[in-house]
Amino acid sequence: EVVIGRKGIATFDIEIIGKAAHAGNHYADGIDANYALANMLTEMTAL
């Protein structure tokens, strides 16, 4: 075919900030940035 259009490209900077907490006594107080990013990647892929 003769190509008359192409998909574009976009670059996004995403900043994920977690919250440190002691893994033994205060695990529930922490926020895992890696886990949040993994979920975000799954959601973006689903788009």
All heavy atoms as atom14 arrays in JSON, in Angstrom:
{
  "sequence": "EVVIGRKGIATFDIEIIGKAAHAGNHYADGIDANYALANMLTEMTAL",
  "atom14_mask": [
    [1, 1, 1, 1, 1, 1, 1, 1, 1, 0, 0, 0, 0, 0],
    [1, 1, 1, 1, 1, 1, 1, 0, 0, 0, 0, 0, 0, 0],
    [1, 1, 1, 1, 1, 1, 1, 0, 0, 0, 0, 0, 0, 0],
    [1, 1, 1, 1, 1, 1, 1, 1, 0, 0, 0, 0, 0, 0],
    [1, 1, 1, 1, 0, 0, 0, 0, 0, 0, 0, 0, 0, 0],
    [1, 1, 1, 1, 1, 1, 1, 1, 1, 1, 1, 0, 0, 0],
    [1, 1, 1, 1, 1, 1, 1, 1, 1, 0, 0, 0, 0, 0],
    [1, 1, 1, 1, 0, 0, 0, 0, 0, 0, 0, 0, 0, 0],
    [1, 1, 1, 1, 1, 1, 1, 1, 0, 0, 0, 0, 0, 0],
    [1, 1, 1, 1, 1, 0, 0, 0, 0, 0, 0, 0, 0, 0],
    [1, 1, 1, 1, 1, 1, 1, 0, 0, 0, 0, 0, 0, 0],
    [1, 1, 1, 1, 1, 1, 1, 1, 1, 1, 1, 0, 0, 0],
    [1, 1, 1, 1, 1, 1, 1, 1, 0, 0, 0, 0, 0, 0],
    [1, 1, 1, 1, 1, 1, 1, 1, 0, 0, 0, 0, 0, 0],
    [1, 1, 1, 1, 1, 1, 1, 1, 1, 0, 0, 0, 0, 0],
    [1, 1, 1, 1, 1, 1, 1, 1, 0, 0, 0, 0, 0, 0],
    [1, 1, 1, 1, 1, 1, 1, 1, 0, 0, 0, 0, 0, 0],
    [1, 1, 1, 1, 0, 0, 0, 0, 0, 0, 0, 0, 0, 0],
    [1, 1, 1, 1, 1, 1, 1, 1, 1, 0, 0, 0, 0, 0],
    [1, 1, 1, 1, 1, 0, 0, 0, 0, 0, 0, 0, 0, 0],
    [1, 1, 1, 1, 1, 0, 0, 0, 0, 0, 0, 0, 0, 0],
    [1, 1, 1, 1, 1, 1, 1, 1, 1, 1, 0, 0, 0, 0],
    [1, 1, 1, 1, 1, 0, 0, 0, 0, 0, 0, 0, 0, 0],
    [1, 1, 1, 1, 0, 0, 0, 0, 0, 0, 0, 0, 0, 0],
    [1, 1, 1, 1, 1, 1, 1, 1, 0, 0, 0, 0, 0, 0],
    [1, 1, 1, 1, 1, 1, 1, 1, 1, 1, 0, 0, 0, 0],
    [1, 1, 1, 1, 1, 1, 1, 1, 1, 1, 1, 1, 0, 0],
    [1, 1, 1, 1, 1, 0, 0, 0, 0, 0, 0, 0, 0, 0],
    [1, 1, 1, 1, 1, 1, 1, 1, 0, 0, 0, 0, 0, 0],
    [1, 1, 1, 1, 0, 0, 0, 0, 0, 0, 0, 0, 0, 0],
    [1, 1, 1, 1, 1, 1, 1, 1, 0, 0, 0, 0, 0, 0],
    [1, 1, 1, 1, 1, 1, 1, 1, 0, 0, 0, 0, 0, 0],
    [1, 1, 1, 1, 1, 0, 0, 0, 0, 0, 0, 0, 0, 0],
    [1, 1, 1, 1, 1, 1, 1, 1, 0, 0, 0, 0, 0, 0],
    [1, 1, 1, 1, 1, 1, 1, 1, 1, 1, 1, 1, 0, 0],
    [1, 1, 1, 1, 1, 0, 0, 0, 0, 0, 0, 0, 0, 0],
    [1, 1, 1, 1, 1, 1, 1, 1, 0, 0, 0, 0, 0, 0],
    [1, 1, 1, 1, 1, 0, 0, 0, 0, 0, 0, 0, 0, 0],
    [1, 1, 1, 1, 1, 1, 1, 1, 0, 0, 0, 0, 0, 0],
    [1, 1, 1, 1, 1, 1, 1, 1, 0, 0, 0, 0, 0, 0],
    [1, 1, 1, 1, 1, 1, 1, 1, 0, 0, 0, 0, 0, 0],
    [1, 1, 1, 1, 1, 1, 1, 0, 0, 0, 0, 0, 0, 0],
    [1, 1, 1, 1, 1, 1, 1, 1, 1, 0, 0, 0, 0, 0],
    [1, 1, 1, 1, 1, 1, 1, 1, 0, 0, 0, 0, 0, 0],
    [1, 1, 1, 1, 1, 1, 1, 0, 0, 0, 0, 0, 0, 0],
    [1, 1, 1, 1, 1, 0, 0, 0, 0, 0, 0, 0, 0, 0],
    [1, 1, 1, 1, 1, 1, 1, 1, 0, 0, 0, 0, 0, 0]
  ],
  "atom14_positions": [
    [[0.83, -1.2, 0.0], [0.0, 0.0, 0.0], [0.87, 1.26, 0.0], [2.05, 1.22, 0.35], [-0.89, 0.03, 1.24], [-1.75, -1.2, 1.44], [-1.11, -2.23, 2.35], [0.14, -2.27, 2.41], [-1.85, -2.99, 2.99], [0.0, 0.0, 0.0], [0.0, 0.0, 0.0], [0.0, 0.0, 0.0], [0.0, 0.0, 0.0], [0.0, 0.0, 0.0]],
    [[0.26, 2.36, -0.38], [0.89, 3.67, -0.21], [0.5, 4.19, 1.16], [-0.68, 4.33, 1.47], [0.43, 4.66, -1.31], [1.0, 6.05, -1.03], [0.89, 4.16, -2.68], [0.0, 0.0, 0.0], [0.0, 0.0, 0.0], [0.0, 0.0, 0.0], [0.0, 0.0, 0.0], [0.0, 0.0, 0.0], [0.0, 0.0, 0.0], [0.0, 0.0, 0.0]],
    [[1.48, 4.43, 1.99], [1.2, 4.87, 3.36], [0.93, 6.37, 3.38], [1.72, 7.15, 2.87], [2.39, 4.53, 4.28], [2.12, 5.06, 5.69], [2.61, 3.04, 4.33], [0.0, 0.0, 0.0], [0.0, 0.0, 0.0], [0.0, 0.0, 0.0], [0.0, 0.0, 0.0], [0.0, 0.0, 0.0], [0.0, 0.0, 0.0], [0.0, 0.0, 0.0]],
    [[-0.21, 6.74, 3.97], [-0.54, 8.17, 4.06], [-0.7, 8.6, 5.52], [-1.0, 9.75, 5.8], [-1.82, 8.5, 3.29], [-3.01, 7.71, 3.84], [-1.64, 8.22, 1.81], [-4.34, 8.15, 3.29], [0.0, 0.0, 0.0], [0.0, 0.0, 0.0], [0.0, 0.0, 0.0], [0.0, 0.0, 0.0], [0.0, 0.0, 0.0], [0.0, 0.0, 0.0]],
    [[-0.53, 7.68, 6.47], [-0.64, 8.04, 7.87], [0.14, 7.09, 8.73], [0.33, 5.92, 8.38], [0.0, 0.0, 0.0], [0.0, 0.0, 0.0], [0.0, 0.0, 0.0], [0.0, 0.0, 0.0], [0.0, 0.0, 0.0], [0.0, 0.0, 0.0], [0.0, 0.0, 0.0], [0.0, 0.0, 0.0], [0.0, 0.0, 0.0], [0.0, 0.0, 0.0]],
    [[0.63, 7.58, 9.86], [1.36, 6.74, 10.82], [0.92, 7.08, 12.23], [0.49, 8.2, 12.51], [2.88, 7.0, 10.7], [3.52, 6.35, 9.48], [3.64, 4.87, 9.67], [4.4, 4.25, 8.59], [4.61, 2.95, 8.5], [4.13, 2.14, 9.4], [5.31, 2.45, 7.49], [0.0, 0.0, 0.0], [0.0, 0.0, 0.0], [0.0, 0.0, 0.0]],
    [[1.04, 6.12, 13.12], [0.75, 6.39, 14.52], [1.77, 7.37, 15.08], [2.9, 7.46, 14.6], [0.78, 5.09, 15.33], [2.14, 4.44, 15.49], [2.02, 3.18, 16.31], [3.38, 2.5, 16.5], [4.32, 3.28, 17.28], [0.0, 0.0, 0.0], [0.0, 0.0, 0.0], [0.0, 0.0, 0.0], [0.0, 0.0, 0.0], [0.0, 0.0, 0.0]],
    [[1.36, 8.09, 16.08], [2.26, 9.04, 16.7], [3.02, 8.41, 17.85], [2.94, 7.21, 18.12], [0.0, 0.0, 0.0], [0.0, 0.0, 0.0], [0.0, 0.0, 0.0], [0.0, 0.0, 0.0], [0.0, 0.0, 0.0], [0.0, 0.0, 0.0], [0.0, 0.0, 0.0], [0.0, 0.0, 0.0], [0.0, 0.0, 0.0], [0.0, 0.0, 0.0]],
    [[3.78, 9.24, 18.53], [4.53, 8.78, 19.69], [4.44, 9.85, 20.77], [4.38, 11.04, 20.48], [6.01, 8.51, 19.32], [6.76, 7.91, 20.51], [6.7, 9.78, 18.83], [8.15, 7.43, 20.15], [0.0, 0.0, 0.0], [0.0, 0.0, 0.0], [0.0, 0.0, 0.0], [0.0, 0.0, 0.0], [0.0, 0.0, 0.0], [0.0, 0.0, 0.0]],
    [[4.36, 9.4, 22.0], [4.29, 10.34, 23.12], [5.18, 9.83, 24.25], [5.34, 8.62, 24.45], [2.85, 10.49, 23.62], [0.0, 0.0, 0.0], [0.0, 0.0, 0.0], [0.0, 0.0, 0.0], [0.0, 0.0, 0.0], [0.0, 0.0, 0.0], [0.0, 0.0, 0.0], [0.0, 0.0, 0.0], [0.0, 0.0, 0.0], [0.0, 0.0, 0.0]],
    [[5.76, 10.74, 24.98], [6.61, 10.4, 26.12], [6.06, 11.09, 27.36], [5.8, 12.3, 27.35], [8.07, 10.86, 25.88], [8.56, 10.24, 24.69], [8.95, 10.47, 27.05], [0.0, 0.0, 0.0], [0.0, 0.0, 0.0], [0.0, 0.0, 0.0], [0.0, 0.0, 0.0], [0.0, 0.0, 0.0], [0.0, 0.0, 0.0], [0.0, 0.0, 0.0]],
    [[5.87, 10.32, 28.41], [5.34, 10.85, 29.65], [6.33, 10.59, 30.79], [6.95, 9.53, 30.86], [4.0, 10.2, 30.0], [2.92, 10.4, 28.98], [2.75, 9.5, 27.93], [2.09, 11.51, 29.04], [1.76, 9.68, 26.98], [1.1, 11.7, 28.1], [0.93, 10.8, 27.07], [0.0, 0.0, 0.0], [0.0, 0.0, 0.0], [0.0, 0.0, 0.0]],
    [[6.47, 11.55, 31.66], [7.25, 11.38, 32.88], [6.28, 11.19, 34.04], [5.44, 12.06, 34.32], [8.13, 12.61, 33.14], [9.23, 12.76, 32.1], [9.79, 11.74, 31.68], [9.52, 13.91, 31.71], [0.0, 0.0, 0.0], [0.0, 0.0, 0.0], [0.0, 0.0, 0.0], [0.0, 0.0, 0.0], [0.0, 0.0, 0.0], [0.0, 0.0, 0.0]],
    [[6.38, 10.04, 34.69], [5.5, 9.71, 35.81], [6.35, 9.55, 37.06], [7.31, 8.77, 37.08], [4.7, 8.42, 35.54], [3.85, 8.59, 34.27], [3.83, 8.07, 36.73], [3.14, 7.32, 33.85], [0.0, 0.0, 0.0], [0.0, 0.0, 0.0], [0.0, 0.0, 0.0], [0.0, 0.0, 0.0], [0.0, 0.0, 0.0], [0.0, 0.0, 0.0]],
    [[6.02, 10.28, 38.09], [6.77, 10.22, 39.35], [5.94, 9.47, 40.39], [4.8, 9.85, 40.69], [7.1, 11.62, 39.85], [7.95, 11.62, 41.12], [8.32, 13.02, 41.56], [7.83, 13.99, 40.94], [9.09, 13.16, 42.53], [0.0, 0.0, 0.0], [0.0, 0.0, 0.0], [0.0, 0.0, 0.0], [0.0, 0.0, 0.0], [0.0, 0.0, 0.0]],
    [[6.48, 8.4, 40.92], [5.83, 7.59, 41.93], [6.59, 7.77, 43.25], [7.79, 7.51, 43.31], [5.8, 6.1, 41.56], [5.24, 5.9, 40.14], [5.0, 5.3, 42.58], [3.8, 6.27, 40.0], [0.0, 0.0, 0.0], [0.0, 0.0, 0.0], [0.0, 0.0, 0.0], [0.0, 0.0, 0.0], [0.0, 0.0, 0.0], [0.0, 0.0, 0.0]],
    [[5.9, 8.23, 44.28], [6.53, 8.46, 45.57], [5.91, 7.52, 46.6], [4.69, 7.55, 46.84], [6.36, 9.92, 46.02], [6.98, 10.88, 44.99], [6.99, 10.14, 47.4], [6.77, 12.34, 45.3], [0.0, 0.0, 0.0], [0.0, 0.0, 0.0], [0.0, 0.0, 0.0], [0.0, 0.0, 0.0], [0.0, 0.0, 0.0], [0.0, 0.0, 0.0]],
    [[6.73, 6.69, 47.18], [6.25, 5.77, 48.21], [6.43, 6.33, 49.61], [6.79, 7.5, 49.8], [0.0, 0.0, 0.0], [0.0, 0.0, 0.0], [0.0, 0.0, 0.0], [0.0, 0.0, 0.0], [0.0, 0.0, 0.0], [0.0, 0.0, 0.0], [0.0, 0.0, 0.0], [0.0, 0.0, 0.0], [0.0, 0.0, 0.0], [0.0, 0.0, 0.0]],
    [[6.17, 5.5, 50.59], [6.34, 5.88, 51.98], [7.06, 4.76, 52.7], [6.6, 3.62, 52.73], [4.98, 6.13, 52.64], [5.07, 6.54, 54.11], [3.68, 6.75, 54.69], [3.78, 7.12, 56.18], [2.44, 7.31, 56.79], [0.0, 0.0, 0.0], [0.0, 0.0, 0.0], [0.0, 0.0, 0.0], [0.0, 0.0, 0.0], [0.0, 0.0, 0.0]],
    [[8.23, 5.09, 53.23], [9.04, 4.08, 53.91], [8.42, 3.73, 55.26], [7.88, 4.58, 55.96], [10.46, 4.59, 54.09], [0.0, 0.0, 0.0], [0.0, 0.0, 0.0], [0.0, 0.0, 0.0], [0.0, 0.0, 0.0], [0.0, 0.0, 0.0], [0.0, 0.0, 0.0], [0.0, 0.0, 0.0], [0.0, 0.0, 0.0], [0.0, 0.0, 0.0]],
    [[8.53, 2.45, 55.6], [8.05, 1.99, 56.9], [8.79, 0.7, 57.26], [9.22, -0.05, 56.39], [6.54, 1.76, 56.88], [0.0, 0.0, 0.0], [0.0, 0.0, 0.0], [0.0, 0.0, 0.0], [0.0, 0.0, 0.0], [0.0, 0.0, 0.0], [0.0, 0.0, 0.0], [0.0, 0.0, 0.0], [0.0, 0.0, 0.0], [0.0, 0.0, 0.0]],
    [[8.93, 0.43, 58.54], [9.63, -0.77, 58.98], [8.82, -2.01, 58.58], [7.62, -2.11, 58.87], [9.81, -0.75, 60.51], [10.72, -1.83, 61.02], [10.3, -3.1, 61.25], [12.05, -1.78, 61.32], [11.31, -3.83, 61.68], [12.4, -3.04, 61.74], [0.0, 0.0, 0.0], [0.0, 0.0, 0.0], [0.0, 0.0, 0.0], [0.0, 0.0, 0.0]],
    [[9.5, -2.94, 57.91], [8.8, -4.1, 57.36], [8.28, -5.03, 58.43], [7.33, -5.79, 58.2], [9.74, -4.86, 56.42], [0.0, 0.0, 0.0], [0.0, 0.0, 0.0], [0.0, 0.0, 0.0], [0.0, 0.0, 0.0], [0.0, 0.0, 0.0], [0.0, 0.0, 0.0], [0.0, 0.0, 0.0], [0.0, 0.0, 0.0], [0.0, 0.0, 0.0]],
    [[8.89, -4.97, 59.62], [8.44, -5.88, 60.67], [7.29, -5.33, 61.48], [6.23, -5.96, 61.6], [0.0, 0.0, 0.0], [0.0, 0.0, 0.0], [0.0, 0.0, 0.0], [0.0, 0.0, 0.0], [0.0, 0.0, 0.0], [0.0, 0.0, 0.0], [0.0, 0.0, 0.0], [0.0, 0.0, 0.0], [0.0, 0.0, 0.0], [0.0, 0.0, 0.0]],
    [[7.45, -4.12, 62.04], [6.47, -3.59, 62.97], [5.44, -2.65, 62.34], [4.34, -2.47, 62.87], [7.18, -2.85, 64.11], [8.04, -3.78, 64.94], [7.67, -4.93, 65.16], [9.19, -3.29, 65.39], [0.0, 0.0, 0.0], [0.0, 0.0, 0.0], [0.0, 0.0, 0.0], [0.0, 0.0, 0.0], [0.0, 0.0, 0.0], [0.0, 0.0, 0.0]],
    [[5.8, -2.03, 61.21], [4.91, -1.01, 60.64], [4.68, -1.21, 59.13], [4.58, -0.26, 58.39], [5.5, 0.39, 60.88], [5.66, 0.72, 62.33], [4.61, 1.13, 63.11], [6.76, 0.67, 63.13], [5.02, 1.34, 64.35], [6.33, 1.06, 64.4], [0.0, 0.0, 0.0], [0.0, 0.0, 0.0], [0.0, 0.0, 0.0], [0.0, 0.0, 0.0]],
    [[4.6, -2.46, 58.73], [4.44, -2.76, 57.3], [3.21, -2.06, 56.72], [3.26, -1.48, 55.63], [4.32, -4.27, 57.09], [4.15, -4.66, 55.64], [5.25, -4.85, 54.82], [2.87, -4.84, 55.1], [5.09, -5.2, 53.48], [2.71, -5.18, 53.77], [3.83, -5.36, 52.96], [3.66, -5.7, 51.66], [0.0, 0.0, 0.0], [0.0, 0.0, 0.0]],
    [[2.12, -2.09, 57.45], [0.87, -1.51, 56.94], [0.92, 0.0, 56.82], [0.09, 0.61, 56.12], [-0.3, -1.91, 57.85], [0.0, 0.0, 0.0], [0.0, 0.0, 0.0], [0.0, 0.0, 0.0], [0.0, 0.0, 0.0], [0.0, 0.0, 0.0], [0.0, 0.0, 0.0], [0.0, 0.0, 0.0], [0.0, 0.0, 0.0], [0.0, 0.0, 0.0]],
    [[1.88, 0.62, 57.46], [2.0, 2.07, 57.38], [2.76, 2.53, 56.12], [2.77, 3.71, 55.8], [2.74, 2.62, 58.62], [1.94, 2.4, 59.89], [0.7, 2.39, 59.8], [2.57, 2.25, 60.95], [0.0, 0.0, 0.0], [0.0, 0.0, 0.0], [0.0, 0.0, 0.0], [0.0, 0.0, 0.0], [0.0, 0.0, 0.0], [0.0, 0.0, 0.0]],
    [[3.41, 1.59, 55.45], [4.21, 1.93, 54.27], [3.39, 1.97, 52.99], [2.25, 1.46, 52.94], [0.0, 0.0, 0.0], [0.0, 0.0, 0.0], [0.0, 0.0, 0.0], [0.0, 0.0, 0.0], [0.0, 0.0, 0.0], [0.0, 0.0, 0.0], [0.0, 0.0, 0.0], [0.0, 0.0, 0.0], [0.0, 0.0, 0.0], [0.0, 0.0, 0.0]],
    [[3.93, 2.61, 52.0], [3.34, 2.63, 50.65], [4.4, 2.17, 49.67], [5.47, 2.8, 49.56], [2.83, 4.03, 50.28], [1.74, 4.49, 51.26], [2.28, 4.04, 48.85], [1.28, 5.91, 51.03], [0.0, 0.0, 0.0], [0.0, 0.0, 0.0], [0.0, 0.0, 0.0], [0.0, 0.0, 0.0], [0.0, 0.0, 0.0], [0.0, 0.0, 0.0]],
    [[4.14, 1.08, 48.98], [5.11, 0.48, 48.06], [4.98, 1.14, 46.69], [4.03, 0.9, 45.95], [4.85, -1.03, 47.95], [5.94, -1.74, 47.18], [6.66, -1.08, 46.4], [6.06, -2.97, 47.33], [0.0, 0.0, 0.0], [0.0, 0.0, 0.0], [0.0, 0.0, 0.0], [0.0, 0.0, 0.0], [0.0, 0.0, 0.0], [0.0, 0.0, 0.0]],
    [[5.94, 1.99, 46.34], [5.91, 2.68, 45.05], [6.03, 1.72, 43.89], [5.42, 1.91, 42.83], [7.02, 3.73, 44.99], [0.0, 0.0, 0.0], [0.0, 0.0, 0.0], [0.0, 0.0, 0.0], [0.0, 0.0, 0.0], [0.0, 0.0, 0.0], [0.0, 0.0, 0.0], [0.0, 0.0, 0.0], [0.0, 0.0, 0.0], [0.0, 0.0, 0.0]],
    [[6.81, 0.66, 44.06], [6.97, -0.33, 42.98], [5.65, -1.03, 42.68], [5.3, -1.26, 41.52], [8.03, -1.36, 43.37], [9.41, -0.77, 43.43], [9.78, 0.04, 42.59], [10.19, -1.16, 44.42], [0.0, 0.0, 0.0], [0.0, 0.0, 0.0], [0.0, 0.0, 0.0], [0.0, 0.0, 0.0], [0.0, 0.0, 0.0], [0.0, 0.0, 0.0]],
    [[4.92, -1.37, 43.75], [3.62, -2.03, 43.56], [2.63, -1.08, 42.88], [1.88, -1.48, 41.98], [3.08, -2.48, 44.92], [1.75, -3.19, 44.85], [1.65, -4.46, 44.31], [0.6, -2.57, 45.34], [0.43, -5.13, 44.25], [-0.63, -3.22, 45.28], [-0.7, -4.49, 44.73], [-1.92, -5.14, 44.67], [0.0, 0.0, 0.0], [0.0, 0.0, 0.0]],
    [[2.66, 0.19, 43.27], [1.77, 1.17, 42.65], [2.09, 1.33, 41.17], [1.19, 1.42, 40.32], [1.9, 2.51, 43.38], [0.0, 0.0, 0.0], [0.0, 0.0, 0.0], [0.0, 0.0, 0.0], [0.0, 0.0, 0.0], [0.0, 0.0, 0.0], [0.0, 0.0, 0.0], [0.0, 0.0, 0.0], [0.0, 0.0, 0.0], [0.0, 0.0, 0.0]],
    [[3.38, 1.36, 40.84], [3.79, 1.49, 39.45], [3.38, 0.27, 38.63], [2.91, 0.4, 37.49], [5.3, 1.71, 39.36], [5.89, 1.8, 37.95], [5.27, 2.96, 37.19], [7.4, 1.95, 38.02], [0.0, 0.0, 0.0], [0.0, 0.0, 0.0], [0.0, 0.0, 0.0], [0.0, 0.0, 0.0], [0.0, 0.0, 0.0], [0.0, 0.0, 0.0]],
    [[3.53, -0.93, 39.2], [3.14, -2.15, 38.5], [1.65, -2.14, 38.17], [1.23, -2.5, 37.07], [3.49, -3.37, 39.34], [0.0, 0.0, 0.0], [0.0, 0.0, 0.0], [0.0, 0.0, 0.0], [0.0, 0.0, 0.0], [0.0, 0.0, 0.0], [0.0, 0.0, 0.0], [0.0, 0.0, 0.0], [0.0, 0.0, 0.0], [0.0, 0.0, 0.0]],
    [[0.84, -1.71, 39.12], [-0.6, -1.61, 38.87], [-0.91, -0.57, 37.81], [-1.8, -0.75, 36.97], [-1.34, -1.28, 40.17], [-1.49, -2.49, 41.07], [-1.86, -3.57, 40.61], [-1.2, -2.32, 42.35], [0.0, 0.0, 0.0], [0.0, 0.0, 0.0], [0.0, 0.0, 0.0], [0.0, 0.0, 0.0], [0.0, 0.0, 0.0], [0.0, 0.0, 0.0]],
    [[-0.18, 0.54, 37.85], [-0.4, 1.6, 36.87], [-0.07, 1.11, 35.47], [-0.79, 1.4, 34.51], [0.45, 2.81, 37.22], [0.22, 4.02, 36.33], [1.23, 5.44, 36.82], [0.46, 5.82, 38.39], [0.0, 0.0, 0.0], [0.0, 0.0, 0.0], [0.0, 0.0, 0.0], [0.0, 0.0, 0.0], [0.0, 0.0, 0.0], [0.0, 0.0, 0.0]],
    [[1.02, 0.34, 35.32], [1.39, -0.2, 34.02], [0.3, -1.12, 33.49], [-0.01, -1.12, 32.29], [2.73, -0.93, 34.12], [3.96, -0.07, 34.33], [5.19, -0.94, 34.59], [4.21, 0.82, 33.12], [0.0, 0.0, 0.0], [0.0, 0.0, 0.0], [0.0, 0.0, 0.0], [0.0, 0.0, 0.0], [0.0, 0.0, 0.0], [0.0, 0.0, 0.0]],
    [[-0.25, -1.94, 34.37], [-1.33, -2.84, 33.96], [-2.54, -2.05, 33.47], [-3.15, -2.37, 32.45], [-1.74, -3.75, 35.12], [-0.6, -4.51, 35.56], [-2.85, -4.7, 34.71], [0.0, 0.0, 0.0], [0.0, 0.0, 0.0], [0.0, 0.0, 0.0], [0.0, 0.0, 0.0], [0.0, 0.0, 0.0], [0.0, 0.0, 0.0], [0.0, 0.0, 0.0]],
    [[-2.88, -0.99, 34.2], [-4.04, -0.18, 33.82], [-3.79, 0.56, 32.51], [-4.69, 0.68, 31.67], [-4.34, 0.82, 34.94], [-4.84, 0.17, 36.22], [-4.98, 1.16, 37.36], [-4.76, 2.37, 37.11], [-5.31, 0.75, 38.48], [0.0, 0.0, 0.0], [0.0, 0.0, 0.0], [0.0, 0.0, 0.0], [0.0, 0.0, 0.0], [0.0, 0.0, 0.0]],
    [[-2.58, 1.08, 32.31], [-2.28, 1.78, 31.06], [-2.29, 0.83, 29.88], [-2.77, 1.18, 28.79], [-0.93, 2.5, 31.19], [-0.96, 3.69, 32.12], [0.54, 4.69, 32.08], [1.72, 3.55, 32.78], [0.0, 0.0, 0.0], [0.0, 0.0, 0.0], [0.0, 0.0, 0.0], [0.0, 0.0, 0.0], [0.0, 0.0, 0.0], [0.0, 0.0, 0.0]],
    [[-1.77, -0.38, 30.08], [-1.77, -1.37, 28.99], [-3.2, -1.73, 28.58], [-3.5, -1.94, 27.41], [-1.02, -2.63, 29.43], [0.32, -2.29, 29.76], [-0.99, -3.67, 28.3], [0.0, 0.0, 0.0], [0.0, 0.0, 0.0], [0.0, 0.0, 0.0], [0.0, 0.0, 0.0], [0.0, 0.0, 0.0], [0.0, 0.0, 0.0], [0.0, 0.0, 0.0]],
    [[-4.1, -1.75, 29.57], [-5.5, -2.1, 29.29], [-6.2, -1.05, 28.44], [-7.26, -1.31, 27.87], [-6.25, -2.3, 30.6], [0.0, 0.0, 0.0], [0.0, 0.0, 0.0], [0.0, 0.0, 0.0], [0.0, 0.0, 0.0], [0.0, 0.0, 0.0], [0.0, 0.0, 0.0], [0.0, 0.0, 0.0], [0.0, 0.0, 0.0], [0.0, 0.0, 0.0]],
    [[-5.62, 0.15, 28.34], [-6.23, 1.21, 27.52], [-6.09, 0.94, 26.02], [-6.77, 1.56, 25.21], [-5.58, 2.56, 27.85], [-5.8, 3.09, 29.27], [-4.97, 4.36, 29.48], [-7.27, 3.36, 29.53], [0.0, 0.0, 0.0], [0.0, 0.0, 0.0], [0.0, 0.0, 0.0], [0.0, 0.0, 0.0], [0.0, 0.0, 0.0], [0.0, 0.0, 0.0]]
  ]
}
